[in-house]
C-alpha atoms as a PDB file:
ATOM      1  CA  UNK A   1      -9.087  27.326  24.169  1.00  0.00           C
ATOM      2  CA  UNK A   2      -7.189  27.933  20.924  1.00  0.00           C
ATOM      3  CA  UNK A   3      -3.914  27.102  22.681  1.00  0.00           C
ATOM      4  CA  UNK A   4      -5.381  23.831  23.937  1.00  0.00           C
ATOM      5  CA  UNK A   5      -6.651  22.975  20.444  1.00  0.00           C
ATOM      6  CA  UNK A   6      -3.157  23.637  19.059  1.00  0.00           C
ATOM      7  CA  UNK A   7      -1.643  21.433  21.756  1.00  0.00           C
ATOM      8  CA  UNK A   8      -4.082  18.645  20.876  1.00  0.00           C
ATOM      9  CA  UNK A   9      -3.285  18.919  17.163  1.00  0.00           C
ATOM     10  CA  UNK A  10       0.424  18.805  17.928  1.00  0.00           C
ATOM     11  CA  UNK A  11      -0.021  15.785  20.159  1.00  0.00           C
ATOM     12  CA  UNK A  12      -2.095  13.997  17.483  1.00  0.00           C
ATOM     13  CA  UNK A  13       0.630  14.649  14.918  1.00  0.00           C
ATOM     14  CA  UNK A  14       3.308  13.413  17.310  1.00  0.00           C
ATOM     15  CA  UNK A  15       1.453  10.184  18.146  1.00  0.00           C
ATOM     16  CA  UNK A  16       0.472   9.542  14.523  1.00  0.00           C
ATOM     17  CA  UNK A  17       4.075  10.043  13.429  1.00  0.00           C
ATOM     18  CA  UNK A  18       5.236   7.515  16.033  1.00  0.00           C
ATOM     19  CA  UNK A  19       2.646   4.942  14.974  1.00  0.00           C
ATOM     20  CA  UNK A  20       3.148   5.495  11.234  1.00  0.00           C
ATOM     21  CA  UNK A  21       6.882   4.956  11.740  1.00  0.00           C
ATOM     22  CA  UNK A  22       6.569   1.961  14.082  1.00  0.00           C
ATOM     23  CA  UNK A  23       3.792   0.110  12.261  1.00  0.00           C
ATOM     24  CA  UNK A  24       3.623   1.755   8.855  1.00  0.00           C
ATOM     25  CA  UNK A  25       1.095   4.220   7.512  1.00  0.00           C
ATOM     26  CA  UNK A  26      -1.147   1.558   5.965  1.00  0.00           C
ATOM     27  CA  UNK A  27      -1.204  -0.584   9.114  1.00  0.00           C
ATOM     28  CA  UNK A  28      -2.125   2.281  11.461  1.00  0.00           C
ATOM     29  CA  UNK A  29      -5.774   3.223  11.952  1.00  0.00           C
ATOM     30  CA  UNK A  30      -7.315   6.416  13.262  1.00  0.00           C
ATOM     31  CA  UNK A  31      -8.770   4.298  16.059  1.00  0.00           C
ATOM     32  CA  UNK A  32      -5.252   3.302  17.162  1.00  0.00           C
ATOM     33  CA  UNK A  33      -4.129   6.924  17.146  1.00  0.00           C
ATOM     34  CA  UNK A  34      -7.150   7.912  19.245  1.00  0.00           C
ATOM     35  CA  UNK A  35      -6.532   5.052  21.688  1.00  0.00           C
ATOM     36  CA  UNK A  36      -2.860   5.967  22.138  1.00  0.00           C
ATOM     37  CA  UNK A  37      -3.941   9.559  22.783  1.00  0.00           C
ATOM     38  CA  UNK A  38      -6.661   8.491  25.187  1.00  0.00           C
ATOM     39  CA  UNK A  39      -9.416  10.268  23.259  1.00  0.00           C
ATOM     40  CA  UNK A  40     -12.437   9.157  21.280  1.00  0.00           C
ATOM     41  CA  UNK A  41     -12.344   8.809  17.512  1.00  0.00           C
ATOM     42  CA  UNK A  42     -14.860  11.671  17.370  1.00  0.00           C
ATOM     43  CA  UNK A  43     -12.415  13.915  19.239  1.00  0.00           C
ATOM     44  CA  UNK A  44      -9.709  12.971  16.754  1.00  0.00           C
ATOM     45  CA  UNK A  45     -12.041  13.706  13.809  1.00  0.00           C
ATOM     46  CA  UNK A  46     -12.550  17.211  15.189  1.00  0.00           C
ATOM     47  CA  UNK A  47      -8.903  17.909  14.329  1.00  0.00           C
ATOM     48  CA  UNK A  48      -8.215  15.563  11.401  1.00  0.00           C
ATOM     49  CA  UNK A  49     -10.708  13.786   9.148  1.00  0.00           C
ATOM     50  CA  UNK A  50      -8.214  11.258   7.795  1.00  0.00           C
ATOM     51  CA  UNK A  51      -4.705   9.900   8.071  1.00  0.00           C
ATOM     52  CA  UNK A  52      -3.866  11.780   4.874  1.00  0.00           C
ATOM     53  CA  UNK A  53      -4.779  15.068   6.588  1.00  0.00           C
ATOM     54  CA  UNK A  54      -2.404  14.236   9.424  1.00  0.00           C
ATOM     55  CA  UNK A  55       0.424  13.465   7.008  1.00  0.00           C
ATOM     56  CA  UNK A  56      -0.298  16.629   5.038  1.00  0.00           C
ATOM     57  CA  UNK A  57      -0.098  18.690   8.221  1.00  0.00           C
ATOM     58  CA  UNK A  58       3.494  17.725   8.969  1.00  0.00           C
ATOM     59  CA  UNK A  59       4.597  17.588   5.343  1.00  0.00           C
ATOM     60  CA  UNK A  60       3.340  21.158   4.756  1.00  0.00           C
ATOM     61  CA  UNK A  61       5.971  22.491   7.159  1.00  0.00           C
ATOM     62  CA  UNK A  62       8.728  20.732   5.195  1.00  0.00           C
ATOM     63  CA  UNK A  63       7.381  22.035   1.895  1.00  0.00           C
ATOM     64  CA  UNK A  64       7.224  25.590   3.224  1.00  0.00           C
ATOM     65  CA  UNK A  65      10.827  25.380   4.485  1.00  0.00           C
ATOM     66  CA  UNK A  66      12.109  24.054   1.150  1.00  0.00           C
ATOM     67  CA  UNK A  67      10.170  26.737  -0.758  1.00  0.00           C
ATOM     68  CA  UNK A  68      11.758  29.430   1.422  1.00  0.00           C
ATOM     69  CA  UNK A  69      15.209  27.941   0.856  1.00  0.00           C
ATOM     70  CA  UNK A  70      14.704  27.811  -2.916  1.00  0.00           C
ATOM     71  CA  UNK A  71      13.509  31.434  -2.962  1.00  0.00           C
ATOM     72  CA  UNK A  72      16.572  32.509  -0.947  1.00  0.00           C
ATOM     73  CA  UNK A  73      18.905  30.448  -3.157  1.00  0.00           C
ATOM     74  CA  UNK A  74      17.599  32.062  -6.344  1.00  0.00           C
ATOM     75  CA  UNK A  75      18.598  35.474  -4.986  1.00  0.00           C
ATOM     76  CA  UNK A  76      22.217  34.417  -4.359  1.00  0.00           C
ATOM     77  CA  UNK A  77      25.097  34.729  -6.812  1.00  0.00           C
ATOM     78  CA  UNK A  78      25.910  31.403  -8.500  1.00  0.00           C
ATOM     79  CA  UNK A  79      29.045  29.544  -7.555  1.00  0.00           C
ATOM     80  CA  UNK A  80      30.571  26.924  -5.297  1.00  0.00           C
ATOM     81  CA  UNK A  81      30.229  28.948  -2.078  1.00  0.00           C
ATOM     82  CA  UNK A  82      26.539  29.518  -2.744  1.00  0.00           C
ATOM     83  CA  UNK A  83      25.977  25.832  -3.486  1.00  0.00           C
ATOM     84  CA  UNK A  84      27.585  24.941  -0.172  1.00  0.00           C
ATOM     85  CA  UNK A  85      25.531  27.563   1.681  1.00  0.00           C
ATOM     86  CA  UNK A  86      22.301  26.239   0.134  1.00  0.00           C
ATOM     87  CA  UNK A  87      23.092  22.680   1.109  1.00  0.00           C
ATOM     88  CA  UNK A  88      24.204  23.711   4.601  1.00  0.00           C
ATOM     89  CA  UNK A  89      20.884  25.519   5.143  1.00  0.00           C
ATOM     90  CA  UNK A  90      19.016  22.464   3.901  1.00  0.00           C
ATOM     91  CA  UNK A  91      20.964  20.227   6.273  1.00  0.00           C
ATOM     92  CA  UNK A  92      20.332  22.634   9.160  1.00  0.00           C
ATOM     93  CA  UNK A  93      16.606  22.324   8.539  1.00  0.00           C
ATOM     94  CA  UNK A  94      16.671  18.540   8.174  1.00  0.00           C
ATOM     95  CA  UNK A  95      18.728  17.940  11.277  1.00  0.00           C
ATOM     96  CA  UNK A  96      16.646  20.046  13.647  1.00  0.00           C
ATOM     97  CA  UNK A  97      15.240  17.898  16.442  1.00  0.00           C
ATOM     98  CA  UNK A  98      11.620  18.118  15.281  1.00  0.00           C
ATOM     99  CA  UNK A  99      12.516  16.825  11.805  1.00  0.00           C
ATOM    100  CA  UNK A 100      14.221  13.620  12.908  1.00  0.00           C
ATOM    101  CA  UNK A 101      10.932  11.743  13.450  1.00  0.00           C
ATOM    102  CA  UNK A 102       9.684  12.982  10.075  1.00  0.00           C
ATOM    103  CA  UNK A 103      12.815  11.654   8.354  1.00  0.00           C
ATOM    104  CA  UNK A 104      12.250   8.274  10.005  1.00  0.00           C
ATOM    105  CA  UNK A 105       8.612   8.390   8.861  1.00  0.00           C
ATOM    106  CA  UNK A 106       9.721   9.058   5.265  1.00  0.00           C
ATOM    107  CA  UNK A 107      12.133   6.149   5.417  1.00  0.00           C
ATOM    108  CA  UNK A 108       9.549   3.725   6.810  1.00  0.00           C
ATOM    109  CA  UNK A 109       6.768   4.734   4.412  1.00  0.00           C
ATOM    110  CA  UNK A 110       8.449   5.435   1.077  1.00  0.00           C
ATOM    111  CA  UNK A 111       6.101   3.327  -1.034  1.00  0.00           C
ATOM    112  CA  UNK A 112       2.982   4.852   0.506  1.00  0.00           C
ATOM    113  CA  UNK A 113       4.264   8.419   0.252  1.00  0.00           C
ATOM    114  CA  UNK A 114       5.150   7.950  -3.386  1.00  0.00           C
ATOM    115  CA  UNK A 115       1.452   7.589  -4.179  1.00  0.00           C
ATOM    116  CA  UNK A 116       0.271  10.434  -1.923  1.00  0.00           C
ATOM    117  CA  UNK A 117       0.007  14.059  -3.089  1.00  0.00           C
ATOM    118  CA  UNK A 118       2.035  15.120  -0.021  1.00  0.00           C
ATOM    119  CA  UNK A 119       4.862  12.794  -0.991  1.00  0.00           C
ATOM    120  CA  UNK A 120       4.813  14.044  -4.564  1.00  0.00           C
ATOM    121  CA  UNK A 121       4.899  17.652  -3.331  1.00  0.00           C
ATOM    122  CA  UNK A 122       8.013  16.981  -1.236  1.00  0.00           C
ATOM    123  CA  UNK A 123       9.628  15.175  -4.162  1.00  0.00           C
ATOM    124  CA  UNK A 124       8.884  18.135  -6.469  1.00  0.00           C
ATOM    125  CA  UNK A 125      10.424  20.571  -3.982  1.00  0.00           C
ATOM    126  CA  UNK A 126      13.551  18.457  -3.602  1.00  0.00           C
ATOM    127  CA  UNK A 127      13.877  18.342  -7.394  1.00  0.00           C
ATOM    128  CA  UNK A 128      13.482  22.134  -7.408  1.00  0.00           C
ATOM    129  CA  UNK A 129      16.265  22.393  -4.856  1.00  0.00           C
ATOM    130  CA  UNK A 130      18.417  20.173  -7.062  1.00  0.00           C
ATOM    131  CA  UNK A 131      17.774  22.487 -10.030  1.00  0.00           C
ATOM    132  CA  UNK A 132      18.886  25.507  -8.011  1.00  0.00           C
ATOM    133  CA  UNK A 133      22.018  23.715  -6.801  1.00  0.00           C
ATOM    134  CA  UNK A 134      22.964  22.584 -10.295  1.00  0.00           C
ATOM    135  CA  UNK A 135      22.489  26.023 -11.759  1.00  0.00           C
ATOM    136  CA  UNK A 136      21.398  27.000 -15.244  1.00  0.00           C
ATOM    137  CA  UNK A 137      22.641  25.278 -18.376  1.00  0.00           C
ATOM    138  CA  UNK A 138      24.501  22.422 -16.713  1.00  0.00           C
ATOM    139  CA  UNK A 139      25.127  19.093 -18.269  1.00  0.00           C
ATOM    140  CA  UNK A 140      23.540  15.850 -17.236  1.00  0.00           C
ATOM    141  CA  UNK A 141      26.492  14.848 -15.067  1.00  0.00           C
ATOM    142  CA  UNK A 142      26.399  18.109 -13.082  1.00  0.00           C
ATOM    143  CA  UNK A 143      22.660  17.832 -12.635  1.00  0.00           C
ATOM    144  CA  UNK A 144      23.219  14.327 -11.280  1.00  0.00           C
ATOM    145  CA  UNK A 145      25.930  15.625  -8.948  1.00  0.00           C
ATOM    146  CA  UNK A 146      23.524  18.196  -7.499  1.00  0.00           C
ATOM    147  CA  UNK A 147      20.898  15.500  -6.954  1.00  0.00           C
ATOM    148  CA  UNK A 148      23.407  13.169  -5.315  1.00  0.00           C
ATOM    149  CA  UNK A 149      24.593  15.931  -2.973  1.00  0.00           C
ATOM    150  CA  UNK A 150      21.005  16.485  -1.798  1.00  0.00           C
ATOM    151  CA  UNK A 151      20.563  12.730  -1.541  1.00  0.00           C
ATOM    152  CA  UNK A 152      23.701  12.468   0.631  1.00  0.00           C
ATOM    153  CA  UNK A 153      22.233  14.928   3.123  1.00  0.00           C
ATOM    154  CA  UNK A 154      18.807  13.272   3.168  1.00  0.00           C
ATOM    155  CA  UNK A 155      19.876   9.663   3.339  1.00  0.00           C
ATOM    156  CA  UNK A 156      22.250   9.753   6.266  1.00  0.00           C
ATOM    157  CA  UNK A 157      19.182   8.922   8.393  1.00  0.00           C
ATOM    158  CA  UNK A 158      18.759   5.701   6.434  1.00  0.00           C
ATOM    159  CA  UNK A 159      22.327   4.774   5.577  1.00  0.00           C
ATOM    160  CA  UNK A 160      24.162   5.388   8.840  1.00  0.00           C
ATOM    161  CA  UNK A 161      22.648   2.742  11.091  1.00  0.00           C
ATOM    162  CA  UNK A 162      25.037   3.034  14.033  1.00  0.00           C
ATOM    163  CA  UNK A 163      22.867   4.118  17.000  1.00  0.00           C
ATOM    164  CA  UNK A 164      25.889   5.767  18.641  1.00  0.00           C
ATOM    165  CA  UNK A 165      26.242   8.307  15.829  1.00  0.00           C
ATOM    166  CA  UNK A 166      24.691  11.578  16.967  1.00  0.00           C
ATOM    167  CA  UNK A 167      22.571  13.812  14.756  1.00  0.00           C
ATOM    168  CA  UNK A 168      25.408  16.343  14.726  1.00  0.00           C
ATOM    169  CA  UNK A 169      27.928  13.701  13.586  1.00  0.00           C
ATOM    170  CA  UNK A 170      25.477  12.409  10.994  1.00  0.00           C
ATOM    171  CA  UNK A 171      24.996  15.948   9.647  1.00  0.00           C
ATOM    172  CA  UNK A 172      28.744  16.598   9.461  1.00  0.00           C
ATOM    173  CA  UNK A 173      29.464  13.365   7.588  1.00  0.00           C
ATOM    174  CA  UNK A 174      26.574  13.975   5.203  1.00  0.00           C
ATOM    175  CA  UNK A 175      27.774  17.505   4.440  1.00  0.00           C
ATOM    176  CA  UNK A 176      31.368  16.350   3.970  1.00  0.00           C
ATOM    177  CA  UNK A 177      30.278  13.835   1.335  1.00  0.00           C
ATOM    178  CA  UNK A 178      27.804  16.259  -0.238  1.00  0.00           C
ATOM    179  CA  UNK A 179      30.451  19.006  -0.534  1.00  0.00           C
ATOM    180  CA  UNK A 180      32.835  16.595  -2.246  1.00  0.00           C
ATOM    181  CA  UNK A 181      30.153  15.949  -4.854  1.00  0.00           C
ATOM    182  CA  UNK A 182      29.048  19.582  -5.153  1.00  0.00           C
ATOM    183  CA  UNK A 183      32.589  20.812  -5.689  1.00  0.00           C
ATOM    184  CA  UNK A 184      32.776  18.786  -8.912  1.00  0.00           C
ATOM    185  CA  UNK A 185      29.942  20.791 -10.515  1.00  0.00           C
ATOM    186  CA  UNK A 186      31.236  22.924 -13.369  1.00  0.00           C
ATOM    187  CA  UNK A 187      34.641  21.277 -13.620  1.00  0.00           C
END
């Protein structure tokens, strides 16, 4: 039974993510999610009491991954190779198949997420990642370079609109641009 419950939760998250991206978070109701799933609202409530809980459930995985990356990064020796390795690991995580729908969700619901605790938590983690990339005692320009390198990796989902560009190509272009920016830190 536990496996079935996990499957149902996963399916709810998948359907909610689709609807939140297609229609927007604010315009999607729990009733619509239940209907698309073919279950009652009561069955949906068994797993999630609100849309916020659904969002939190898939954002928590992202937060955990970024926290692990930051912890790993803090144990590494500072320098350009480490900065590249940190950003490459971040890109690897972002470009995994299961994260592509989440990136589209973030793009489609930026204003809503900004006001949600889950959105703020992701933002805080990304700023933490930027701090680690920049390193200690850097100037404002280098801190900005670190932020822009992270931004380059994150925004390829929004900026590159060509549907023929694969996720692998998107990742490579994003890292190429990000490395160009990162390599200026400390010069």
